[in-house]
Amino acid sequence: IEALVETTVRGRAANSRPGGGHGQEQQYISTLCDGRVQSLAEIAARMQLPLGVARVIVADMAADGLVAVYEPTSLDDNDAVGTELLERVLSGLRRL
């Protein structure tokens, strides 16, 4: 949910070509994440898609090299990491 997505150089080039060879959803995600890193949850919300559907589209785009996906730090026994994650989630919810 909190994975961050950013359009790659290849994604920008594909998006700038007429037709681009990609679906409407992929073009929208490329545009949305071009110059602005978006979380997977934000992408799903903006596209009004279930999170699982957005995840599949982004995974396909990542496999094609159109976007880069940055996973959040993993949670372990370190409470500071867990607190930091919760604070980021709370901050994101407040911005909604």
PDB file of N, CA and C in Angstrom:
ATOM      1  N   ILE A   1       0.837  -1.201   0.000  1.00  0.00           N
ATOM      2  CA  ILE A   1       0.000   0.000   0.000  1.00  0.00           C
ATOM      3  C   ILE A   1       0.866   1.243   0.000  1.00  0.00           C
ATOM      4  N   GLU A   2       1.962   1.198   0.745  1.00  0.00           N
ATOM      5  CA  GLU A   2       2.795   2.381   0.888  1.00  0.00           C
ATOM      6  C   GLU A   2       3.959   2.415  -0.099  1.00  0.00           C
ATOM      7  N   ALA A   3       4.038   1.422  -0.982  1.00  0.00           N
ATOM      8  CA  ALA A   3       5.102   1.421  -1.985  1.00  0.00           C
ATOM      9  C   ALA A   3       4.991   2.685  -2.826  1.00  0.00           C
ATOM     10  N   LEU A   4       6.129   3.290  -3.122  1.00  0.00           N
ATOM     11  CA  LEU A   4       6.154   4.534  -3.898  1.00  0.00           C
ATOM     12  C   LEU A   4       6.474   4.231  -5.352  1.00  0.00           C
ATOM     13  N   VAL A   5       5.781   4.907  -6.249  1.00  0.00           N
ATOM     14  CA  VAL A   5       5.897   4.652  -7.678  1.00  0.00           C
ATOM     15  C   VAL A   5       6.339   5.933  -8.374  1.00  0.00           C
ATOM     16  N   GLU A   6       7.302   5.782  -9.286  1.00  0.00           N
ATOM     17  CA  GLU A   6       7.818   6.927 -10.046  1.00  0.00           C
ATOM     18  C   GLU A   6       8.011   6.503 -11.495  1.00  0.00           C
ATOM     19  N   THR A   7       7.646   7.365 -12.417  1.00  0.00           N
ATOM     20  CA  THR A   7       7.816   7.085 -13.842  1.00  0.00           C
ATOM     21  C   THR A   7       9.302   7.126 -14.196  1.00  0.00           C
ATOM     22  N   THR A   8       9.744   6.148 -14.963  1.00  0.00           N
ATOM     23  CA  THR A   8      11.135   6.088 -15.395  1.00  0.00           C
ATOM     24  C   THR A   8      11.299   6.874 -16.701  1.00  0.00           C
ATOM     25  N   VAL A   9      12.539   7.006 -17.138  1.00  0.00           N
ATOM     26  CA  VAL A   9      12.830   7.673 -18.415  1.00  0.00           C
ATOM     27  C   VAL A   9      12.138   6.914 -19.545  1.00  0.00           C
ATOM     28  N   ARG A  10      12.194   5.603 -19.484  1.00  0.00           N
ATOM     29  CA  ARG A  10      11.534   4.780 -20.499  1.00  0.00           C
ATOM     30  C   ARG A  10      10.017   4.995 -20.482  1.00  0.00           C
ATOM     31  N   GLY A  11       9.447   5.135 -19.299  1.00  0.00           N
ATOM     32  CA  GLY A  11       8.011   5.384 -19.177  1.00  0.00           C
ATOM     33  C   GLY A  11       7.614   6.736 -19.746  1.00  0.00           C
ATOM     34  N   ARG A  12       8.445   7.751 -19.497  1.00  0.00           N
ATOM     35  CA  ARG A  12       8.168   9.082 -20.059  1.00  0.00           C
ATOM     36  C   ARG A  12       8.234   9.052 -21.578  1.00  0.00           C
ATOM     37  N   ALA A  13       9.231   8.350 -22.114  1.00  0.00           N
ATOM     38  CA  ALA A  13       9.384   8.266 -23.573  1.00  0.00           C
ATOM     39  C   ALA A  13       8.190   7.543 -24.194  1.00  0.00           C
ATOM     40  N   ALA A  14       7.756   6.459 -23.581  1.00  0.00           N
ATOM     41  CA  ALA A  14       6.608   5.707 -24.103  1.00  0.00           C
ATOM     42  C   ALA A  14       5.338   6.538 -24.014  1.00  0.00           C
ATOM     43  N   ASN A  15       5.221   7.339 -22.974  1.00  0.00           N
ATOM     44  CA  ASN A  15       4.023   8.152 -22.770  1.00  0.00           C
ATOM     45  C   ASN A  15       3.967   9.326 -23.745  1.00  0.00           C
ATOM     46  N   SER A  16       5.140   9.785 -24.202  1.00  0.00           N
ATOM     47  CA  SER A  16       5.168  10.955 -25.101  1.00  0.00           C
ATOM     48  C   SER A  16       4.861  10.577 -26.550  1.00  0.00           C
ATOM     49  N   ARG A  17       4.986   9.287 -26.877  1.00  0.00           N
ATOM     50  CA  ARG A  17       4.670   8.848 -28.248  1.00  0.00           C
ATOM     51  C   ARG A  17       3.164   8.719 -28.409  1.00  0.00           C
ATOM     52  N   PRO A  18       2.633   9.165 -29.544  1.00  0.00           N
ATOM     53  CA  PRO A  18       1.196   9.002 -29.793  1.00  0.00           C
ATOM     54  C   PRO A  18       0.830   7.523 -29.756  1.00  0.00           C
ATOM     55  N   GLY A  19      -0.162   7.186 -28.980  1.00  0.00           N
ATOM     56  CA  GLY A  19      -0.572   5.790 -28.827  1.00  0.00           C
ATOM     57  C   GLY A  19       0.270   5.077 -27.797  1.00  0.00           C
ATOM     58  N   GLY A  20       1.555   5.264 -27.818  1.00  0.00           N
ATOM     59  CA  GLY A  20       2.465   4.732 -26.827  1.00  0.00           C
ATOM     60  C   GLY A  20       2.463   3.226 -26.670  1.00  0.00           C
ATOM     61  N   GLY A  21       1.495   2.537 -27.251  1.00  0.00           N
ATOM     62  CA  GLY A  21       1.453   1.089 -27.146  1.00  0.00           C
ATOM     63  C   GLY A  21       0.986   0.599 -25.790  1.00  0.00           C
ATOM     64  N   HIS A  22       0.496   1.481 -24.942  1.00  0.00           N
ATOM     65  CA  HIS A  22       0.062   1.093 -23.610  1.00  0.00           C
ATOM     66  C   HIS A  22      -1.388   1.492 -23.409  1.00  0.00           C
ATOM     67  N   GLY A  23      -2.014   0.832 -22.453  1.00  0.00           N
ATOM     68  CA  GLY A  23      -3.413   1.110 -22.167  1.00  0.00           C
ATOM     69  C   GLY A  23      -3.620   2.464 -21.524  1.00  0.00           C
ATOM     70  N   GLN A  24      -4.857   2.860 -21.471  1.00  0.00           N
ATOM     71  CA  GLN A  24      -5.229   4.154 -20.898  1.00  0.00           C
ATOM     72  C   GLN A  24      -4.816   4.253 -19.428  1.00  0.00           C
ATOM     73  N   GLU A  25      -4.970   3.151 -18.688  1.00  0.00           N
ATOM     74  CA  GLU A  25      -4.598   3.165 -17.272  1.00  0.00           C
ATOM     75  C   GLU A  25      -3.101   3.378 -17.114  1.00  0.00           C
ATOM     76  N   GLN A  26      -2.308   2.702 -17.942  1.00  0.00           N
ATOM     77  CA  GLN A  26      -0.855   2.847 -17.863  1.00  0.00           C
ATOM     78  C   GLN A  26      -0.422   4.259 -18.219  1.00  0.00           C
ATOM     79  N   GLN A  27      -1.051   4.848 -19.211  1.00  0.00           N
ATOM     80  CA  GLN A  27      -0.722   6.226 -19.579  1.00  0.00           C
ATOM     81  C   GLN A  27      -1.064   7.179 -18.438  1.00  0.00           C
ATOM     82  N   TYR A  28      -2.193   6.954 -17.784  1.00  0.00           N
ATOM     83  CA  TYR A  28      -2.599   7.812 -16.668  1.00  0.00           C
ATOM     84  C   TYR A  28      -1.600   7.698 -15.524  1.00  0.00           C
ATOM     85  N   ILE A  29      -1.193   6.476 -15.200  1.00  0.00           N
ATOM     86  CA  ILE A  29      -0.228   6.277 -14.106  1.00  0.00           C
ATOM     87  C   ILE A  29       1.110   6.918 -14.462  1.00  0.00           C
ATOM     88  N   SER A  30       1.550   6.763 -15.707  1.00  0.00           N
ATOM     89  CA  SER A  30       2.814   7.386 -16.135  1.00  0.00           C
ATOM     90  C   SER A  30       2.763   8.891 -15.967  1.00  0.00           C
ATOM     91  N   THR A  31       1.648   9.485 -16.354  1.00  0.00           N
ATOM     92  CA  THR A  31       1.485  10.935 -16.220  1.00  0.00           C
ATOM     93  C   THR A  31       1.409  11.343 -14.754  1.00  0.00           C
ATOM     94  N   LEU A  32       0.663  10.584 -13.975  1.00  0.00           N
ATOM     95  CA  LEU A  32       0.473  10.887 -12.557  1.00  0.00           C
ATOM     96  C   LEU A  32       1.789  10.834 -11.781  1.00  0.00           C
ATOM     97  N   CYS A  33       2.650   9.889 -12.129  1.00  0.00           N
ATOM     98  CA  CYS A  33       3.895   9.671 -11.386  1.00  0.00           C
ATOM     99  C   CYS A  33       5.109  10.312 -12.055  1.00  0.00           C
ATOM    100  N   ASP A  34       4.881  11.130 -13.064  1.00  0.00           N
ATOM    101  CA  ASP A  34       5.979  11.797 -13.759  1.00  0.00           C
ATOM    102  C   ASP A  34       6.361  13.057 -12.994  1.00  0.00           C
ATOM    103  N   GLY A  35       7.513  13.014 -12.347  1.00  0.00           N
ATOM    104  CA  GLY A  35       7.987  14.160 -11.577  1.00  0.00           C
ATOM    105  C   GLY A  35       7.392  14.234 -10.185  1.00  0.00           C
ATOM    106  N   ARG A  36       6.515  13.314  -9.852  1.00  0.00           N
ATOM    107  CA  ARG A  36       5.874  13.281  -8.537  1.00  0.00           C
ATOM    108  C   ARG A  36       5.716  11.841  -8.103  1.00  0.00           C
ATOM    109  N   VAL A  37       6.417  11.445  -7.077  1.00  0.00           N
ATOM    110  CA  VAL A  37       6.326  10.084  -6.578  1.00  0.00           C
ATOM    111  C   VAL A  37       4.973   9.919  -5.881  1.00  0.00           C
ATOM    112  N   GLN A  38       4.273   8.834  -6.216  1.00  0.00           N
ATOM    113  CA  GLN A  38       2.947   8.568  -5.654  1.00  0.00           C
ATOM    114  C   GLN A  38       2.952   7.194  -4.989  1.00  0.00           C
ATOM    115  N   SER A  39       2.196   7.064  -3.912  1.00  0.00           N
ATOM    116  CA  SER A  39       2.068   5.747  -3.301  1.00  0.00           C
ATOM    117  C   SER A  39       1.065   4.929  -4.097  1.00  0.00           C
ATOM    118  N   LEU A  40       1.159   3.624  -3.958  1.00  0.00           N
ATOM    119  CA  LEU A  40       0.229   2.739  -4.635  1.00  0.00           C
ATOM    120  C   LEU A  40      -1.205   3.029  -4.197  1.00  0.00           C
ATOM    121  N   ALA A  41      -1.401   3.343  -2.934  1.00  0.00           N
ATOM    122  CA  ALA A  41      -2.737   3.672  -2.428  1.00  0.00           C
ATOM    123  C   ALA A  41      -3.276   4.943  -3.077  1.00  0.00           C
ATOM    124  N   GLU A  42      -2.410   5.944  -3.279  1.00  0.00           N
ATOM    125  CA  GLU A  42      -2.841   7.184  -3.938  1.00  0.00           C
ATOM    126  C   GLU A  42      -3.239   6.932  -5.384  1.00  0.00           C
ATOM    127  N   ILE A  43      -2.473   6.096  -6.067  1.00  0.00           N
ATOM    128  CA  ILE A  43      -2.783   5.772  -7.458  1.00  0.00           C
ATOM    129  C   ILE A  43      -4.153   5.095  -7.542  1.00  0.00           C
ATOM    130  N   ALA A  44      -4.376   4.112  -6.685  1.00  0.00           N
ATOM    131  CA  ALA A  44      -5.658   3.402  -6.687  1.00  0.00           C
ATOM    132  C   ALA A  44      -6.809   4.357  -6.397  1.00  0.00           C
ATOM    133  N   ALA A  45      -6.623   5.245  -5.435  1.00  0.00           N
ATOM    134  CA  ALA A  45      -7.689   6.187  -5.073  1.00  0.00           C
ATOM    135  C   ALA A  45      -7.977   7.160  -6.206  1.00  0.00           C
ATOM    136  N   ARG A  46      -6.941   7.709  -6.819  1.00  0.00           N
ATOM    137  CA  ARG A  46      -7.145   8.678  -7.907  1.00  0.00           C
ATOM    138  C   ARG A  46      -7.800   8.038  -9.130  1.00  0.00           C
ATOM    139  N   MET A  47      -7.496   6.761  -9.352  1.00  0.00           N
ATOM    140  CA  MET A  47      -8.065   6.071 -10.504  1.00  0.00           C
ATOM    141  C   MET A  47      -9.402   5.410 -10.165  1.00  0.00           C
ATOM    142  N   GLN A  48      -9.781   5.464  -8.918  1.00  0.00           N
ATOM    143  CA  GLN A  48     -11.009   4.834  -8.433  1.00  0.00           C
ATOM    144  C   GLN A  48     -11.025   3.349  -8.784  1.00  0.00           C
ATOM    145  N   LEU A  49      -9.894   2.694  -8.495  1.00  0.00           N
ATOM    146  CA  LEU A  49      -9.732   1.265  -8.734  1.00  0.00           C
ATOM    147  C   LEU A  49      -9.483   0.557  -7.413  1.00  0.00           C
ATOM    148  N   PRO A  50      -9.866  -0.712  -7.311  1.00  0.00           N
ATOM    149  CA  PRO A  50      -9.475  -1.478  -6.129  1.00  0.00           C
ATOM    150  C   PRO A  50      -7.947  -1.546  -6.048  1.00  0.00           C
ATOM    151  N   LEU A  51      -7.438  -1.595  -4.832  1.00  0.00           N
ATOM    152  CA  LEU A  51      -5.990  -1.611  -4.628  1.00  0.00           C
ATOM    153  C   LEU A  51      -5.327  -2.774  -5.361  1.00  0.00           C
ATOM    154  N   GLY A  52      -5.944  -3.932  -5.352  1.00  0.00           N
ATOM    155  CA  GLY A  52      -5.375  -5.098  -6.029  1.00  0.00           C
ATOM    156  C   GLY A  52      -5.230  -4.893  -7.529  1.00  0.00           C
ATOM    157  N   VAL A  53      -6.196  -4.234  -8.138  1.00  0.00           N
ATOM    158  CA  VAL A  53      -6.137  -3.966  -9.584  1.00  0.00           C
ATOM    159  C   VAL A  53      -5.002  -2.995  -9.884  1.00  0.00           C
ATOM    160  N   ALA A  54      -4.901  -1.930  -9.084  1.00  0.00           N
ATOM    161  CA  ALA A  54      -3.821  -0.953  -9.268  1.00  0.00           C
ATOM    162  C   ALA A  54      -2.464  -1.623  -9.078  1.00  0.00           C
ATOM    163  N   ARG A  55      -2.379  -2.523  -8.113  1.00  0.00           N
ATOM    164  CA  ARG A  55      -1.120  -3.236  -7.845  1.00  0.00           C
ATOM    165  C   ARG A  55      -0.692  -4.051  -9.062  1.00  0.00           C
ATOM    166  N   VAL A  56      -1.638  -4.733  -9.707  1.00  0.00           N
ATOM    167  CA  VAL A  56      -1.321  -5.542 -10.881  1.00  0.00           C
ATOM    168  C   VAL A  56      -0.857  -4.662 -12.042  1.00  0.00           C
ATOM    169  N   ILE A  57      -1.545  -3.558 -12.275  1.00  0.00           N
ATOM    170  CA  ILE A  57      -1.167  -2.651 -13.368  1.00  0.00           C
ATOM    171  C   ILE A  57       0.234  -2.096 -13.128  1.00  0.00           C
ATOM    172  N   VAL A  58       0.507  -1.647 -11.902  1.00  0.00           N
ATOM    173  CA  VAL A  58       1.823  -1.084 -11.578  1.00  0.00           C
ATOM    174  C   VAL A  58       2.900  -2.161 -11.675  1.00  0.00           C
ATOM    175  N   ALA A  59       2.598  -3.380 -11.246  1.00  0.00           N
ATOM    176  CA  ALA A  59       3.581  -4.471 -11.339  1.00  0.00           C
ATOM    177  C   ALA A  59       3.918  -4.767 -12.799  1.00  0.00           C
ATOM    178  N   ASP A  60       2.907  -4.767 -13.666  1.00  0.00           N
ATOM    179  CA  ASP A  60       3.154  -4.974 -15.096  1.00  0.00           C
ATOM    180  C   ASP A  60       4.012  -3.854 -15.667  1.00  0.00           C
ATOM    181  N   MET A  61       3.716  -2.617 -15.260  1.00  0.00           N
ATOM    182  CA  MET A  61       4.494  -1.470 -15.729  1.00  0.00           C
ATOM    183  C   MET A  61       5.933  -1.553 -15.238  1.00  0.00           C
ATOM    184  N   ALA A  62       6.125  -1.990 -13.999  1.00  0.00           N
ATOM    185  CA  ALA A  62       7.476  -2.132 -13.451  1.00  0.00           C
ATOM    186  C   ALA A  62       8.247  -3.212 -14.211  1.00  0.00           C
ATOM    187  N   ALA A  63       7.575  -4.304 -14.552  1.00  0.00           N
ATOM    188  CA  ALA A  63       8.223  -5.378 -15.311  1.00  0.00           C
ATOM    189  C   ALA A  63       8.654  -4.898 -16.693  1.00  0.00           C
ATOM    190  N   ASP A  64       7.893  -3.957 -17.258  1.00  0.00           N
ATOM    191  CA  ASP A  64       8.240  -3.385 -18.569  1.00  0.00           C
ATOM    192  C   ASP A  64       9.231  -2.226 -18.462  1.00  0.00           C
ATOM    193  N   GLY A  65       9.602  -1.848 -17.246  1.00  0.00           N
ATOM    194  CA  GLY A  65      10.558  -0.764 -17.052  1.00  0.00           C
ATOM    195  C   GLY A  65       9.962   0.623 -17.187  1.00  0.00           C
ATOM    196  N   LEU A  66       8.625   0.728 -17.124  1.00  0.00           N
ATOM    197  CA  LEU A  66       7.964   2.022 -17.284  1.00  0.00           C
ATOM    198  C   LEU A  66       7.910   2.819 -15.993  1.00  0.00           C
ATOM    199  N   VAL A  67       7.921   2.133 -14.866  1.00  0.00           N
ATOM    200  CA  VAL A  67       7.924   2.792 -13.561  1.00  0.00           C
ATOM    201  C   VAL A  67       8.930   2.102 -12.650  1.00  0.00           C
ATOM    202  N   ALA A  68       9.383   2.840 -11.665  1.00  0.00           N
ATOM    203  CA  ALA A  68      10.220   2.281 -10.606  1.00  0.00           C
ATOM    204  C   ALA A  68       9.364   2.231  -9.350  1.00  0.00           C
ATOM    205  N   VAL A  69       9.468   1.120  -8.613  1.00  0.00           N
ATOM    206  CA  VAL A  69       8.689   0.944  -7.388  1.00  0.00           C
ATOM    207  C   VAL A  69       9.672   0.861  -6.225  1.00  0.00           C
ATOM    208  N   TYR A  70       9.451   1.715  -5.239  1.00  0.00           N
ATOM    209  CA  TYR A  70      10.302   1.759  -4.059  1.00  0.00           C
ATOM    210  C   TYR A  70       9.512   1.234  -2.871  1.00  0.00           C
ATOM    211  N   GLU A  71       9.947   0.116  -2.341  1.00  0.00           N
ATOM    212  CA  GLU A  71       9.266  -0.495  -1.194  1.00  0.00           C
ATOM    213  C   GLU A  71       9.660   0.226   0.088  1.00  0.00           C
ATOM    214  N   PRO A  72       8.725   0.352   1.032  1.00  0.00           N
ATOM    215  CA  PRO A  72       9.060   0.972   2.322  1.00  0.00           C
ATOM    216  C   PRO A  72       9.985   0.062   3.115  1.00  0.00           C
ATOM    217  N   THR A  73      10.624   0.638   4.105  1.00  0.00           N
ATOM    218  CA  THR A  73      11.497  -0.171   4.953  1.00  0.00           C
ATOM    219  C   THR A  73      10.667  -1.233   5.641  1.00  0.00           C
ATOM    220  N   SER A  74      11.263  -2.404   5.816  1.00  0.00           N
ATOM    221  CA  SER A  74      10.525  -3.495   6.453  1.00  0.00           C
ATOM    222  C   SER A  74      10.462  -3.271   7.955  1.00  0.00           C
ATOM    223  N   LEU A  75       9.384  -3.743   8.519  1.00  0.00           N
ATOM    224  CA  LEU A  75       9.206  -3.632   9.964  1.00  0.00           C
ATOM    225  C   LEU A  75       9.914  -4.792  10.639  1.00  0.00           C
ATOM    226  N   ASP A  76      10.648  -4.486  11.664  1.00  0.00           N
ATOM    227  CA  ASP A  76      11.271  -5.535  12.458  1.00  0.00           C
ATOM    228  C   ASP A  76      11.038  -5.201  13.926  1.00  0.00           C
ATOM    229  N   ASP A  77      11.895  -5.643  14.794  1.00  0.00           N
ATOM    230  CA  ASP A  77      11.712  -5.395  16.218  1.00  0.00           C
ATOM    231  C   ASP A  77      12.038  -3.964  16.616  1.00  0.00           C
ATOM    232  N   ASN A  78      12.495  -3.150  15.671  1.00  0.00           N
ATOM    233  CA  ASN A  78      12.863  -1.777  15.957  1.00  0.00           C
ATOM    234  C   ASN A  78      11.596  -0.916  16.025  1.00  0.00           C
ATOM    235  N   ASP A  79      11.233  -0.466  17.229  1.00  0.00           N
ATOM    236  CA  ASP A  79      10.008   0.311  17.430  1.00  0.00           C
ATOM    237  C   ASP A  79      10.062   1.648  16.717  1.00  0.00           C
ATOM    238  N   ALA A  80      11.262   2.214  16.534  1.00  0.00           N
ATOM    239  CA  ALA A  80      11.383   3.511  15.871  1.00  0.00           C
ATOM    240  C   ALA A  80      10.900   3.417  14.427  1.00  0.00           C
ATOM    241  N   VAL A  81      11.197   2.324  13.757  1.00  0.00           N
ATOM    242  CA  VAL A  81      10.755   2.146  12.379  1.00  0.00           C
ATOM    243  C   VAL A  81       9.231   2.031  12.339  1.00  0.00           C
ATOM    244  N   GLY A  82       8.647   1.257  13.255  1.00  0.00           N
ATOM    245  CA  GLY A  82       7.198   1.108  13.308  1.00  0.00           C
ATOM    246  C   GLY A  82       6.510   2.424  13.596  1.00  0.00           C
ATOM    247  N   THR A  83       7.068   3.212  14.497  1.00  0.00           N
ATOM    248  CA  THR A  83       6.498   4.516  14.827  1.00  0.00           C
ATOM    249  C   THR A  83       6.593   5.452  13.635  1.00  0.00           C
ATOM    250  N   GLU A  84       7.718   5.428  12.949  1.00  0.00           N
ATOM    251  CA  GLU A  84       7.900   6.283  11.774  1.00  0.00           C
ATOM    252  C   GLU A  84       6.882   5.933  10.694  1.00  0.00           C
ATOM    253  N   LEU A  85       6.667   4.651  10.464  1.00  0.00           N
ATOM    254  CA  LEU A  85       5.691   4.216   9.468  1.00  0.00           C
ATOM    255  C   LEU A  85       4.289   4.690   9.838  1.00  0.00           C
ATOM    256  N   LEU A  86       3.904   4.523  11.075  1.00  0.00           N
ATOM    257  CA  LEU A  86       2.579   4.953  11.521  1.00  0.00           C
ATOM    258  C   LEU A  86       2.412   6.466  11.398  1.00  0.00           C
ATOM    259  N   GLU A  87       3.470   7.217  11.685  1.00  0.00           N
ATOM    260  CA  GLU A  87       3.395   8.673  11.551  1.00  0.00           C
ATOM    261  C   GLU A  87       3.216   9.082  10.094  1.00  0.00           C
ATOM    262  N   ARG A  88       3.878   8.382   9.159  1.00  0.00           N
ATOM    263  CA  ARG A  88       3.723   8.684   7.740  1.00  0.00           C
ATOM    264  C   ARG A  88       2.309   8.366   7.265  1.00  0.00           C
ATOM    265  N   VAL A  89       1.771   7.256   7.736  1.00  0.00           N
ATOM    266  CA  VAL A  89       0.403   6.879   7.361  1.00  0.00           C
ATOM    267  C   VAL A  89      -0.588   7.912   7.900  1.00  0.00           C
ATOM    268  N   LEU A  90      -0.418   8.315   9.153  1.00  0.00           N
ATOM    269  CA  LEU A  90      -1.293   9.307   9.756  1.00  0.00           C
ATOM    270  C   LEU A  90      -1.207  10.639   9.026  1.00  0.00           C
ATOM    271  N   SER A  91      -0.008  11.039   8.655  1.00  0.00           N
ATOM    272  CA  SER A  91       0.183  12.284   7.918  1.00  0.00           C
ATOM    273  C   SER A  91      -0.518  12.213   6.556  1.00  0.00           C
ATOM    274  N   GLY A  92      -0.402  11.075   5.883  1.00  0.00           N
ATOM    275  CA  GLY A  92      -1.073  10.902   4.601  1.00  0.00           C
ATOM    276  C   GLY A  92      -2.588  10.954   4.734  1.00  0.00           C
ATOM    277  N   LEU A  93      -3.113  10.364   5.776  1.00  0.00           N
ATOM    278  CA  LEU A  93      -4.564  10.396   6.012  1.00  0.00           C
ATOM    279  C   LEU A  93      -5.046  11.808   6.290  1.00  0.00           C
ATOM    280  N   ARG A  94      -4.267  12.567   6.998  1.00  0.00           N
ATOM    281  CA  ARG A  94      -4.658  13.950   7.295  1.00  0.00           C
ATOM    282  C   ARG A  94      -4.694  14.801   6.030  1.00  0.00           C
ATOM    283  N   ARG A  95      -3.810  14.495   5.084  1.00  0.00           N
ATOM    284  CA  ARG A  95      -3.797  15.261   3.833  1.00  0.00           C
ATOM    285  C   ARG A  95      -4.995  14.957   2.956  1.00  0.00           C
ATOM    286  N   LEU A  96      -5.629  13.815   3.184  1.00  0.00           N
ATOM    287  CA  LEU A  96      -6.815  13.472   2.393  1.00  0.00           C
ATOM    288  C   LEU A  96      -7.945  14.344   2.803  1.00  0.00           C
TER     289      LEU A  96
END
